[in-house]
PDB file of N, CA and C in Angstrom:
ATOM      1  N   MET A   1      16.024 -16.780  34.193  1.00  0.00           N
ATOM      2  CA  MET A   1      15.510 -15.363  33.769  1.00  0.00           C
ATOM      3  C   MET A   1      14.344 -15.535  34.709  1.00  0.00           C
ATOM      4  N   THR A   2      14.172 -14.240  34.898  1.00  0.00           N
ATOM      5  CA  THR A   2      12.743 -13.851  35.993  1.00  0.00           C
ATOM      6  C   THR A   2      11.827 -13.251  34.947  1.00  0.00           C
ATOM      7  N   ASN A   3      10.183 -13.667  35.273  1.00  0.00           N
ATOM      8  CA  ASN A   3       9.545 -13.325  34.519  1.00  0.00           C
ATOM      9  C   ASN A   3       9.155 -11.863  34.617  1.00  0.00           C
ATOM     10  N   GLN A   4       8.565 -11.439  33.510  1.00  0.00           N
ATOM     11  CA  GLN A   4       8.395  -9.648  33.659  1.00  0.00           C
ATOM     12  C   GLN A   4       7.198  -9.410  33.444  1.00  0.00           C
ATOM     13  N   LEU A   5       6.338  -8.725  34.191  1.00  0.00           N
ATOM     14  CA  LEU A   5       4.883  -8.460  34.173  1.00  0.00           C
ATOM     15  C   LEU A   5       4.669  -6.828  33.563  1.00  0.00           C
ATOM     16  N   LEU A   6       4.043  -6.566  32.615  1.00  0.00           N
ATOM     17  CA  LEU A   6       3.547  -5.306  32.156  1.00  0.00           C
ATOM     18  C   LEU A   6       1.994  -5.090  32.465  1.00  0.00           C
ATOM     19  N   SER A   7       1.644  -3.969  32.773  1.00  0.00           N
ATOM     20  CA  SER A   7       0.003  -3.970  32.871  1.00  0.00           C
ATOM     21  C   SER A   7      -0.132  -3.349  31.263  1.00  0.00           C
ATOM     22  N   SER A   8      -1.645  -3.807  31.340  1.00  0.00           N
ATOM     23  CA  SER A   8      -2.015  -3.687  29.813  1.00  0.00           C
ATOM     24  C   SER A   8      -2.174  -2.150  29.423  1.00  0.00           C
ATOM     25  N   SER A   9      -2.473  -1.365  30.630  1.00  0.00           N
ATOM     26  CA  SER A   9      -2.236  -0.073  30.495  1.00  0.00           C
ATOM     27  C   SER A   9      -0.754   0.678  30.285  1.00  0.00           C
ATOM     28  N   THR A  10      -0.041   0.015  30.407  1.00  0.00           N
ATOM     29  CA  THR A  10       1.529   0.226  29.915  1.00  0.00           C
ATOM     30  C   THR A  10       1.822  -0.174  28.524  1.00  0.00           C
ATOM     31  N   ILE A  11       1.101  -1.246  28.033  1.00  0.00           N
ATOM     32  CA  ILE A  11       1.406  -1.674  26.907  1.00  0.00           C
ATOM     33  C   ILE A  11       0.380  -0.832  25.858  1.00  0.00           C
ATOM     34  N   ALA A  12      -0.454  -0.524  26.142  1.00  0.00           N
ATOM     35  CA  ALA A  12      -1.798   0.271  25.374  1.00  0.00           C
ATOM     36  C   ALA A  12      -1.082   1.744  25.061  1.00  0.00           C
ATOM     37  N   GLY A  13      -1.087   2.141  23.405  1.00  0.00           N
ATOM     38  CA  GLY A  13      -0.313   3.272  23.272  1.00  0.00           C
ATOM     39  C   GLY A  13       1.081   3.006  22.947  1.00  0.00           C
ATOM     40  N   ASP A  14       1.477   2.162  23.425  1.00  0.00           N
ATOM     41  CA  ASP A  14       3.185   2.004  23.095  1.00  0.00           C
ATOM     42  C   ASP A  14       3.434   2.209  21.584  1.00  0.00           C
ATOM     43  N   SER A  15       4.587   2.650  21.197  1.00  0.00           N
ATOM     44  CA  SER A  15       4.970   2.529  19.654  1.00  0.00           C
ATOM     45  C   SER A  15       5.545   1.226  19.179  1.00  0.00           C
ATOM     46  N   VAL A  16       5.286   0.835  18.281  1.00  0.00           N
ATOM     47  CA  VAL A  16       5.959  -0.558  17.644  1.00  0.00           C
ATOM     48  C   VAL A  16       6.889  -0.187  16.607  1.00  0.00           C
ATOM     49  N   LYS A  17       8.191  -0.660  16.572  1.00  0.00           N
ATOM     50  CA  LYS A  17       9.218  -0.292  15.753  1.00  0.00           C
ATOM     51  C   LYS A  17       9.468  -2.018  15.418  1.00  0.00           C
ATOM     52  N   ASN A  18      10.087  -1.871  13.931  1.00  0.00           N
ATOM     53  CA  ASN A  18      10.721  -3.034  13.555  1.00  0.00           C
ATOM     54  C   ASN A  18      12.250  -3.018  14.052  1.00  0.00           C
ATOM     55  N   ARG A  19      12.935  -4.076  13.824  1.00  0.00           N
ATOM     56  CA  ARG A  19      14.192  -4.369  13.961  1.00  0.00           C
ATOM     57  C   ARG A  19      15.187  -3.234  13.487  1.00  0.00           C
ATOM     58  N   GLN A  20      14.757  -2.528  12.145  1.00  0.00           N
ATOM     59  CA  GLN A  20      15.359  -1.478  11.681  1.00  0.00           C
ATOM     60  C   GLN A  20      15.103  -0.065  12.237  1.00  0.00           C
ATOM     61  N   GLY A  21      14.419  -0.233  13.345  1.00  0.00           N
ATOM     62  CA  GLY A  21      14.045   1.056  13.834  1.00  0.00           C
ATOM     63  C   GLY A  21      13.121   1.896  13.395  1.00  0.00           C
ATOM     64  N   GLU A  22      12.391   1.117  12.294  1.00  0.00           N
ATOM     65  CA  GLU A  22      10.931   2.076  11.700  1.00  0.00           C
ATOM     66  C   GLU A  22       9.939   2.195  12.468  1.00  0.00           C
ATOM     67  N   GLU A  23       9.362   3.087  12.468  1.00  0.00           N
ATOM     68  CA  GLU A  23       8.149   3.104  13.263  1.00  0.00           C
ATOM     69  C   GLU A  23       7.107   2.358  12.496  1.00  0.00           C
ATOM     70  N   LEU A  24       6.286   1.557  13.294  1.00  0.00           N
ATOM     71  CA  LEU A  24       5.223   0.878  12.668  1.00  0.00           C
ATOM     72  C   LEU A  24       3.661   1.241  13.099  1.00  0.00           C
ATOM     73  N   GLY A  25       3.633   1.908  14.402  1.00  0.00           N
ATOM     74  CA  GLY A  25       2.405   2.069  14.716  1.00  0.00           C
ATOM     75  C   GLY A  25       2.493   2.280  16.184  1.00  0.00           C
ATOM     76  N   ASN A  26       1.275   1.850  16.804  1.00  0.00           N
ATOM     77  CA  ASN A  26       1.038   2.165  18.163  1.00  0.00           C
ATOM     78  C   ASN A  26      -0.117   0.868  18.271  1.00  0.00           C
ATOM     79  N   ILE A  27       0.394   0.595  19.605  1.00  0.00           N
ATOM     80  CA  ILE A  27      -0.652  -0.597  20.124  1.00  0.00           C
ATOM     81  C   ILE A  27      -2.104   0.143  20.694  1.00  0.00           C
ATOM     82  N   GLU A  28      -3.073  -0.241  20.129  1.00  0.00           N
ATOM     83  CA  GLU A  28      -4.561   0.331  20.558  1.00  0.00           C
ATOM     84  C   GLU A  28      -5.198  -0.649  21.523  1.00  0.00           C
ATOM     85  N   ASP A  29      -4.813  -1.828  21.823  1.00  0.00           N
ATOM     86  CA  ASP A  29      -5.837  -2.666  22.502  1.00  0.00           C
ATOM     87  C   ASP A  29      -5.290  -4.012  22.494  1.00  0.00           C
ATOM     88  N   LEU A  30      -5.411  -4.787  23.571  1.00  0.00           N
ATOM     89  CA  LEU A  30      -4.916  -5.867  23.642  1.00  0.00           C
ATOM     90  C   LEU A  30      -6.080  -7.244  23.524  1.00  0.00           C
ATOM     91  N   MET A  31      -6.087  -8.149  23.112  1.00  0.00           N
ATOM     92  CA  MET A  31      -7.155  -9.189  22.994  1.00  0.00           C
ATOM     93  C   MET A  31      -6.798 -10.441  23.852  1.00  0.00           C
ATOM     94  N   VAL A  32      -7.658 -10.675  24.687  1.00  0.00           N
ATOM     95  CA  VAL A  32      -7.228 -11.835  25.960  1.00  0.00           C
ATOM     96  C   VAL A  32      -8.138 -12.935  25.887  1.00  0.00           C
ATOM     97  N   ASP A  33      -7.654 -14.130  25.725  1.00  0.00           N
ATOM     98  CA  ASP A  33      -8.610 -15.384  25.588  1.00  0.00           C
ATOM     99  C   ASP A  33      -9.092 -15.502  27.159  1.00  0.00           C
ATOM    100  N   VAL A  34     -10.287 -15.051  27.307  1.00  0.00           N
ATOM    101  CA  VAL A  34     -10.869 -15.376  28.685  1.00  0.00           C
ATOM    102  C   VAL A  34     -10.834 -16.836  29.180  1.00  0.00           C
ATOM    103  N   SER A  35     -10.516 -17.868  28.449  1.00  0.00           N
ATOM    104  CA  SER A  35     -10.760 -19.134  28.927  1.00  0.00           C
ATOM    105  C   SER A  35      -9.017 -19.345  29.497  1.00  0.00           C
ATOM    106  N   SER A  36      -8.335 -18.750  29.040  1.00  0.00           N
ATOM    107  CA  SER A  36      -6.812 -19.475  29.717  1.00  0.00           C
ATOM    108  C   SER A  36      -6.040 -18.092  30.262  1.00  0.00           C
ATOM    109  N   GLY A  37      -6.817 -16.685  30.084  1.00  0.00           N
ATOM    110  CA  GLY A  37      -6.136 -15.535  30.643  1.00  0.00           C
ATOM    111  C   GLY A  37      -4.854 -15.295  29.927  1.00  0.00           C
ATOM    112  N   LYS A  38      -4.854 -16.067  28.679  1.00  0.00           N
ATOM    113  CA  LYS A  38      -3.514 -15.458  27.950  1.00  0.00           C
ATOM    114  C   LYS A  38      -3.833 -14.195  26.995  1.00  0.00           C
ATOM    115  N   VAL A  39      -2.828 -13.545  26.683  1.00  0.00           N
ATOM    116  CA  VAL A  39      -3.105 -12.484  25.713  1.00  0.00           C
ATOM    117  C   VAL A  39      -2.652 -12.876  24.354  1.00  0.00           C
ATOM    118  N   GLU A  40      -3.808 -12.732  23.390  1.00  0.00           N
ATOM    119  CA  GLU A  40      -3.382 -13.708  22.485  1.00  0.00           C
ATOM    120  C   GLU A  40      -2.922 -12.720  20.924  1.00  0.00           C
ATOM    121  N   TYR A  41      -3.619 -11.511  21.018  1.00  0.00           N
ATOM    122  CA  TYR A  41      -3.032 -10.420  20.086  1.00  0.00           C
ATOM    123  C   TYR A  41      -3.142  -9.143  20.727  1.00  0.00           C
ATOM    124  N   ALA A  42      -2.214  -8.617  19.996  1.00  0.00           N
ATOM    125  CA  ALA A  42      -2.234  -7.019  20.066  1.00  0.00           C
ATOM    126  C   ALA A  42      -2.820  -6.337  19.016  1.00  0.00           C
ATOM    127  N   VAL A  43      -3.459  -5.235  19.000  1.00  0.00           N
ATOM    128  CA  VAL A  43      -4.240  -4.532  17.807  1.00  0.00           C
ATOM    129  C   VAL A  43      -3.304  -3.400  17.680  1.00  0.00           C
ATOM    130  N   LEU A  44      -2.527  -3.490  16.407  1.00  0.00           N
ATOM    131  CA  LEU A  44      -1.975  -2.122  16.031  1.00  0.00           C
ATOM    132  C   LEU A  44      -2.509  -1.446  15.107  1.00  0.00           C
ATOM    133  N   SER A  45      -2.096  -0.149  15.399  1.00  0.00           N
ATOM    134  CA  SER A  45      -2.548   0.908  14.257  1.00  0.00           C
ATOM    135  C   SER A  45      -1.562   1.312  13.461  1.00  0.00           C
ATOM    136  N   PHE A  46      -1.718   1.269  12.169  1.00  0.00           N
ATOM    137  CA  PHE A  46      -0.697   1.794  11.155  1.00  0.00           C
ATOM    138  C   PHE A  46      -1.359   2.271   9.850  1.00  0.00           C
ATOM    139  N   GLY A  47      -0.436   3.019   9.589  1.00  0.00           N
ATOM    140  CA  GLY A  47      -0.678   3.934   8.176  1.00  0.00           C
ATOM    141  C   GLY A  47      -1.307   5.009   8.043  1.00  0.00           C
ATOM    142  N   GLY A  48      -1.900   5.617   9.159  1.00  0.00           N
ATOM    143  CA  GLY A  48      -2.955   6.768   8.946  1.00  0.00           C
ATOM    144  C   GLY A  48      -1.923   8.045   9.768  1.00  0.00           C
ATOM    145  N   PHE A  49      -2.704   9.224   9.390  1.00  0.00           N
ATOM    146  CA  PHE A  49      -1.893  10.386   9.928  1.00  0.00           C
ATOM    147  C   PHE A  49      -2.828  11.190  10.812  1.00  0.00           C
ATOM    148  N   LEU A  50      -2.307  11.388  12.061  1.00  0.00           N
ATOM    149  CA  LEU A  50      -3.355  11.977  13.046  1.00  0.00           C
ATOM    150  C   LEU A  50      -4.482  11.082  13.228  1.00  0.00           C
ATOM    151  N   GLY A  51      -4.398   9.616  13.386  1.00  0.00           N
ATOM    152  CA  GLY A  51      -5.445   8.885  13.580  1.00  0.00           C
ATOM    153  C   GLY A  51      -6.245   8.650  12.574  1.00  0.00           C
ATOM    154  N   LEU A  52      -6.458   9.570  11.439  1.00  0.00           N
ATOM    155  CA  LEU A  52      -7.274   9.202  10.172  1.00  0.00           C
ATOM    156  C   LEU A  52      -6.456   8.580   9.379  1.00  0.00           C
ATOM    157  N   GLY A  53      -7.360   7.720   8.870  1.00  0.00           N
ATOM    158  CA  GLY A  53      -6.901   6.530   7.739  1.00  0.00           C
ATOM    159  C   GLY A  53      -6.179   5.452   8.106  1.00  0.00           C
ATOM    160  N   ASP A  54      -6.040   5.154   9.395  1.00  0.00           N
ATOM    161  CA  ASP A  54      -5.212   4.077   9.996  1.00  0.00           C
ATOM    162  C   ASP A  54      -5.966   2.707   9.842  1.00  0.00           C
ATOM    163  N   LYS A  55      -5.116   1.696   9.620  1.00  0.00           N
ATOM    164  CA  LYS A  55      -5.486   0.359   9.227  1.00  0.00           C
ATOM    165  C   LYS A  55      -5.119  -0.388  10.504  1.00  0.00           C
ATOM    166  N   TYR A  56      -6.171  -1.003  10.962  1.00  0.00           N
ATOM    167  CA  TYR A  56      -5.712  -1.775  12.298  1.00  0.00           C
ATOM    168  C   TYR A  56      -5.310  -3.312  11.788  1.00  0.00           C
ATOM    169  N   PHE A  57      -4.318  -3.917  12.565  1.00  0.00           N
ATOM    170  CA  PHE A  57      -3.721  -5.201  12.628  1.00  0.00           C
ATOM    171  C   PHE A  57      -4.080  -5.693  13.730  1.00  0.00           C
ATOM    172  N   ALA A  58      -4.097  -7.288  13.309  1.00  0.00           N
ATOM    173  CA  ALA A  58      -4.137  -8.246  15.092  1.00  0.00           C
ATOM    174  C   ALA A  58      -2.870  -8.904  14.669  1.00  0.00           C
ATOM    175  N   ILE A  59      -1.924  -8.760  15.788  1.00  0.00           N
ATOM    176  CA  ILE A  59      -0.581  -9.368  15.741  1.00  0.00           C
ATOM    177  C   ILE A  59      -0.535 -10.278  16.749  1.00  0.00           C
ATOM    178  N   PRO A  60      -0.116 -11.506  16.536  1.00  0.00           N
ATOM    179  CA  PRO A  60      -0.154 -12.262  17.596  1.00  0.00           C
ATOM    180  C   PRO A  60       0.859 -11.903  18.667  1.00  0.00           C
ATOM    181  N   PHE A  61       0.323 -11.845  19.860  1.00  0.00           N
ATOM    182  CA  PHE A  61       1.332 -11.434  20.658  1.00  0.00           C
ATOM    183  C   PHE A  61       2.647 -11.886  21.155  1.00  0.00           C
ATOM    184  N   ASN A  62       2.890 -12.739  20.722  1.00  0.00           N
ATOM    185  CA  ASN A  62       4.435 -13.466  20.853  1.00  0.00           C
ATOM    186  C   ASN A  62       5.064 -13.232  19.777  1.00  0.00           C
ATOM    187  N   GLN A  63       4.543 -12.496  18.791  1.00  0.00           N
ATOM    188  CA  GLN A  63       5.670 -12.004  17.658  1.00  0.00           C
ATOM    189  C   GLN A  63       6.224 -10.553  18.207  1.00  0.00           C
ATOM    190  N   LEU A  64       5.708 -10.181  19.293  1.00  0.00           N
ATOM    191  CA  LEU A  64       6.213  -8.920  19.644  1.00  0.00           C
ATOM    192  C   LEU A  64       7.323  -9.021  21.011  1.00  0.00           C
ATOM    193  N   GLY A  65       8.339  -8.335  20.864  1.00  0.00           N
ATOM    194  CA  GLY A  65       9.365  -8.074  21.948  1.00  0.00           C
ATOM    195  C   GLY A  65       8.968  -6.619  22.524  1.00  0.00           C
ATOM    196  N   VAL A  66       9.892  -6.574  23.629  1.00  0.00           N
ATOM    197  CA  VAL A  66       9.790  -5.271  24.490  1.00  0.00           C
ATOM    198  C   VAL A  66      11.428  -4.892  23.985  1.00  0.00           C
ATOM    199  N   ASP A  67      11.362  -3.621  24.214  1.00  0.00           N
ATOM    200  CA  ASP A  67      12.599  -2.641  24.372  1.00  0.00           C
ATOM    201  C   ASP A  67      12.256  -1.881  25.588  1.00  0.00           C
ATOM    202  N   HIS A  68      13.015  -2.187  26.501  1.00  0.00           N
ATOM    203  CA  HIS A  68      12.485  -1.502  27.944  1.00  0.00           C
ATOM    204  C   HIS A  68      13.488  -0.084  27.560  1.00  0.00           C
ATOM    205  N   LYS A  69      14.614  -0.340  27.134  1.00  0.00           N
ATOM    206  CA  LYS A  69      15.325   1.137  26.903  1.00  0.00           C
ATOM    207  C   LYS A  69      14.575   2.251  26.485  1.00  0.00           C
ATOM    208  N   ASN A  70      13.842   1.916  24.975  1.00  0.00           N
ATOM    209  CA  ASN A  70      13.215   2.964  24.629  1.00  0.00           C
ATOM    210  C   ASN A  70      11.526   2.862  24.744  1.00  0.00           C
ATOM    211  N   HIS A  71      11.059   2.040  25.697  1.00  0.00           N
ATOM    212  CA  HIS A  71       9.931   2.168  26.312  1.00  0.00           C
ATOM    213  C   HIS A  71       8.900   2.101  24.544  1.00  0.00           C
ATOM    214  N   CYS A  72       9.087   0.988  23.836  1.00  0.00           N
ATOM    215  CA  CYS A  72       8.367   0.542  22.845  1.00  0.00           C
ATOM    216  C   CYS A  72       8.433  -1.085  22.407  1.00  0.00           C
ATOM    217  N   MET A  73       7.538  -1.293  21.708  1.00  0.00           N
ATOM    218  CA  MET A  73       7.513  -2.806  21.311  1.00  0.00           C
ATOM    219  C   MET A  73       8.322  -3.190  20.014  1.00  0.00           C
ATOM    220  N   ILE A  74       8.826  -4.197  19.731  1.00  0.00           N
ATOM    221  CA  ILE A  74       9.564  -4.641  18.650  1.00  0.00           C
ATOM    222  C   ILE A  74       8.645  -5.628  17.765  1.00  0.00           C
ATOM    223  N   LEU A  75       8.469  -5.432  16.708  1.00  0.00           N
ATOM    224  CA  LEU A  75       7.827  -6.259  15.721  1.00  0.00           C
ATOM    225  C   LEU A  75       8.797  -6.641  14.732  1.00  0.00           C
ATOM    226  N   ASN A  76       9.325  -7.835  14.471  1.00  0.00           N
ATOM    227  CA  ASN A  76      10.161  -8.174  13.102  1.00  0.00           C
ATOM    228  C   ASN A  76       9.566  -8.436  12.089  1.00  0.00           C
ATOM    229  N   VAL A  77       9.188  -7.340  11.594  1.00  0.00           N
ATOM    230  CA  VAL A  77       8.259  -7.298  10.359  1.00  0.00           C
ATOM    231  C   VAL A  77       9.009  -5.953   9.347  1.00  0.00           C
ATOM    232  N   ASP A  78       9.163  -6.416   8.199  1.00  0.00           N
ATOM    233  CA  ASP A  78       9.286  -5.155   7.429  1.00  0.00           C
ATOM    234  C   ASP A  78       7.933  -4.112   6.919  1.00  0.00           C
ATOM    235  N   LYS A  79       8.323  -2.854   6.985  1.00  0.00           N
ATOM    236  CA  LYS A  79       7.153  -2.218   6.974  1.00  0.00           C
ATOM    237  C   LYS A  79       6.411  -2.515   5.575  1.00  0.00           C
ATOM    238  N   GLU A  80       6.933  -2.891   4.770  1.00  0.00           N
ATOM    239  CA  GLU A  80       6.270  -2.965   3.628  1.00  0.00           C
ATOM    240  C   GLU A  80       5.426  -4.381   3.424  1.00  0.00           C
ATOM    241  N   ARG A  81       5.726  -5.205   4.332  1.00  0.00           N
ATOM    242  CA  ARG A  81       5.152  -6.783   4.465  1.00  0.00           C
ATOM    243  C   ARG A  81       3.911  -6.248   5.496  1.00  0.00           C
ATOM    244  N   LEU A  82       3.981  -5.494   6.339  1.00  0.00           N
ATOM    245  CA  LEU A  82       3.047  -4.965   7.051  1.00  0.00           C
ATOM    246  C   LEU A  82       1.691  -4.409   6.442  1.00  0.00           C
ATOM    247  N   LYS A  83       2.299  -3.612   5.479  1.00  0.00           N
ATOM    248  CA  LYS A  83       1.028  -3.169   4.573  1.00  0.00           C
ATOM    249  C   LYS A  83       0.145  -3.976   3.767  1.00  0.00           C
ATOM    250  N   ASP A  84       0.725  -5.206   3.584  1.00  0.00           N
ATOM    251  CA  ASP A  84      -0.326  -6.369   3.136  1.00  0.00           C
ATOM    252  C   ASP A  84      -0.784  -7.346   4.066  1.00  0.00           C
ATOM    253  N   ALA A  85      -0.537  -7.214   5.053  1.00  0.00           N
ATOM    254  CA  ALA A  85      -1.109  -7.964   6.386  1.00  0.00           C
ATOM    255  C   ALA A  85      -2.488  -8.055   6.408  1.00  0.00           C
ATOM    256  N   PRO A  86      -3.226  -9.145   7.023  1.00  0.00           N
ATOM    257  CA  PRO A  86      -4.439  -8.962   7.006  1.00  0.00           C
ATOM    258  C   PRO A  86      -4.975  -7.882   7.880  1.00  0.00           C
ATOM    259  N   GLY A  87      -5.691  -6.971   7.852  1.00  0.00           N
ATOM    260  CA  GLY A  87      -6.088  -5.908   8.726  1.00  0.00           C
ATOM    261  C   GLY A  87      -7.785  -5.560   8.640  1.00  0.00           C
ATOM    262  N   PHE A  88      -7.890  -4.426   9.470  1.00  0.00           N
ATOM    263  CA  PHE A  88      -9.448  -4.282   9.544  1.00  0.00           C
ATOM    264  C   PHE A  88      -9.242  -2.490   9.776  1.00  0.00           C
ATOM    265  N   ASP A  89     -10.620  -2.190   9.604  1.00  0.00           N
ATOM    266  CA  ASP A  89     -11.098  -0.629  10.202  1.00  0.00           C
ATOM    267  C   ASP A  89     -11.244  -0.817  11.282  1.00  0.00           C
ATOM    268  N   LYS A  90     -10.792   0.520  12.079  1.00  0.00           N
ATOM    269  CA  LYS A  90     -10.870   0.805  13.393  1.00  0.00           C
ATOM    270  C   LYS A  90     -12.579   0.789  13.990  1.00  0.00           C
ATOM    271  N   ASP A  91     -13.341   1.181  12.794  1.00  0.00           N
ATOM    272  CA  ASP A  91     -14.700   1.003  13.181  1.00  0.00           C
ATOM    273  C   ASP A  91     -15.741  -0.433  12.963  1.00  0.00           C
ATOM    274  N   ASN A  92     -14.887  -1.300  12.286  1.00  0.00           N
ATOM    275  CA  ASN A  92     -15.245  -2.632  11.853  1.00  0.00           C
ATOM    276  C   ASN A  92     -14.497  -3.688  12.301  1.00  0.00           C
ATOM    277  N   TRP A  93     -14.204  -3.941  13.754  1.00  0.00           N
ATOM    278  CA  TRP A  93     -13.839  -4.992  14.271  1.00  0.00           C
ATOM    279  C   TRP A  93     -13.953  -6.478  13.905  1.00  0.00           C
ATOM    280  N   PRO A  94     -13.080  -7.605  13.506  1.00  0.00           N
ATOM    281  CA  PRO A  94     -13.539  -8.656  12.993  1.00  0.00           C
ATOM    282  C   PRO A  94     -13.978  -9.643  14.569  1.00  0.00           C
ATOM    283  N   ASN A  95     -14.507 -10.826  14.311  1.00  0.00           N
ATOM    284  CA  ASN A  95     -14.653 -11.468  15.615  1.00  0.00           C
ATOM    285  C   ASN A  95     -13.337 -12.210  15.654  1.00  0.00           C
ATOM    286  N   PHE A  96     -12.696 -11.831  16.883  1.00  0.00           N
ATOM    287  CA  PHE A  96     -11.333 -12.570  16.960  1.00  0.00           C
ATOM    288  C   PHE A  96     -11.396 -14.038  17.440  1.00  0.00           C
ATOM    289  N   ALA A  97     -12.729 -14.385  17.705  1.00  0.00           N
ATOM    290  CA  ALA A  97     -12.965 -16.042  18.173  1.00  0.00           C
ATOM    291  C   ALA A  97     -13.233 -16.921  16.683  1.00  0.00           C
ATOM    292  N   ASP A  98     -13.498 -16.301  15.508  1.00  0.00           N
ATOM    293  CA  ASP A  98     -13.693 -16.867  14.070  1.00  0.00           C
ATOM    294  C   ASP A  98     -12.470 -17.362  13.932  1.00  0.00           C
ATOM    295  N   PRO A  99     -12.640 -18.943  13.851  1.00  0.00           N
ATOM    296  CA  PRO A  99     -11.234 -19.671  13.587  1.00  0.00           C
ATOM    297  C   PRO A  99     -10.433 -19.165  12.241  1.00  0.00           C
ATOM    298  N   SER A 100     -11.593 -18.916  10.916  1.00  0.00           N
ATOM    299  CA  SER A 100     -10.784 -18.568   9.812  1.00  0.00           C
ATOM    300  C   SER A 100     -10.058 -17.079   9.893  1.00  0.00           C
ATOM    301  N   PHE A 101     -10.555 -16.314  10.849  1.00  0.00           N
ATOM    302  CA  PHE A 101      -9.636 -14.910  11.192  1.00  0.00           C
ATOM    303  C   PHE A 101      -8.478 -15.307  11.577  1.00  0.00           C
ATOM    304  N   ARG A 102      -8.708 -16.010  12.887  1.00  0.00           N
ATOM    305  CA  ARG A 102      -7.378 -16.470  13.502  1.00  0.00           C
ATOM    306  C   ARG A 102      -6.235 -17.434  12.664  1.00  0.00           C
ATOM    307  N   ASN A 103      -6.851 -18.084  12.021  1.00  0.00           N
ATOM    308  CA  ASN A 103      -6.004 -18.783  11.005  1.00  0.00           C
ATOM    309  C   ASN A 103      -5.280 -17.887   9.903  1.00  0.00           C
ATOM    310  N   SER A 104      -6.186 -17.128   9.380  1.00  0.00           N
ATOM    311  CA  SER A 104      -5.334 -15.930   8.343  1.00  0.00           C
ATOM    312  C   SER A 104      -4.215 -15.399   8.925  1.00  0.00           C
ATOM    313  N   VAL A 105      -4.614 -14.737  10.266  1.00  0.00           N
ATOM    314  CA  VAL A 105      -3.428 -13.864  10.777  1.00  0.00           C
ATOM    315  C   VAL A 105      -2.403 -14.487  11.426  1.00  0.00           C
ATOM    316  N   ASN A 106      -2.638 -15.861  12.050  1.00  0.00           N
ATOM    317  CA  ASN A 106      -1.238 -16.515  12.559  1.00  0.00           C
ATOM    318  C   ASN A 106      -0.719 -17.000  11.343  1.00  0.00           C
ATOM    319  N   THR A 107      -1.063 -17.492  10.292  1.00  0.00           N
ATOM    320  CA  THR A 107      -0.473 -17.824   8.942  1.00  0.00           C
ATOM    321  C   THR A 107       0.319 -17.109   8.662  1.00  0.00           C
ATOM    322  N   TYR A 108      -0.226 -15.718   8.363  1.00  0.00           N
ATOM    323  CA  TYR A 108       0.791 -14.590   7.490  1.00  0.00           C
ATOM    324  C   TYR A 108       1.706 -14.168   8.366  1.00  0.00           C
ATOM    325  N   TYR A 109       1.695 -14.518   9.983  1.00  0.00           N
ATOM    326  CA  TYR A 109       3.111 -14.129  10.895  1.00  0.00           C
ATOM    327  C   TYR A 109       3.722 -15.420  10.999  1.00  0.00           C
ATOM    328  N   GLY A 110       3.366 -16.456  10.266  1.00  0.00           N
ATOM    329  CA  GLY A 110       4.017 -17.843  10.724  1.00  0.00           C
ATOM    330  C   GLY A 110       3.826 -18.165  12.191  1.00  0.00           C
ATOM    331  N   HIS A 111       2.792 -17.926  12.857  1.00  0.00           N
ATOM    332  CA  HIS A 111       2.617 -18.543  14.354  1.00  0.00           C
ATOM    333  C   HIS A 111       1.181 -19.557  13.990  1.00  0.00           C
ATOM    334  N   VAL A 112       1.744 -20.904  13.983  1.00  0.00           N
ATOM    335  CA  VAL A 112       0.926 -21.858  13.705  1.00  0.00           C
ATOM    336  C   VAL A 112       0.654 -22.785  14.852  1.00  0.00           C
TER     337      VAL A 112
END
């Protein structure tokens, strides 16, 4: 298998769907661990209407797949489960380096 690379600008703004084809939201940003250079989390917006009332979620990047044909990301999470995921307000971002925040997110998605 050949490694595939995507630019961050290609991923930002992409829609995210689950395996059932339900729309889950859009990628707002990517969080990069500057010491390793690895993308750790994608920030997903979900639940609002026209950008109002959106809740943001940190998704461990390795939980996302790419659907090249439909130009979207795939997250294997039921829409109802996502509603209960640890999230945050778009105007009040958490400290992604905080071990307790990272632990709660990683545990929720089974990424330990």
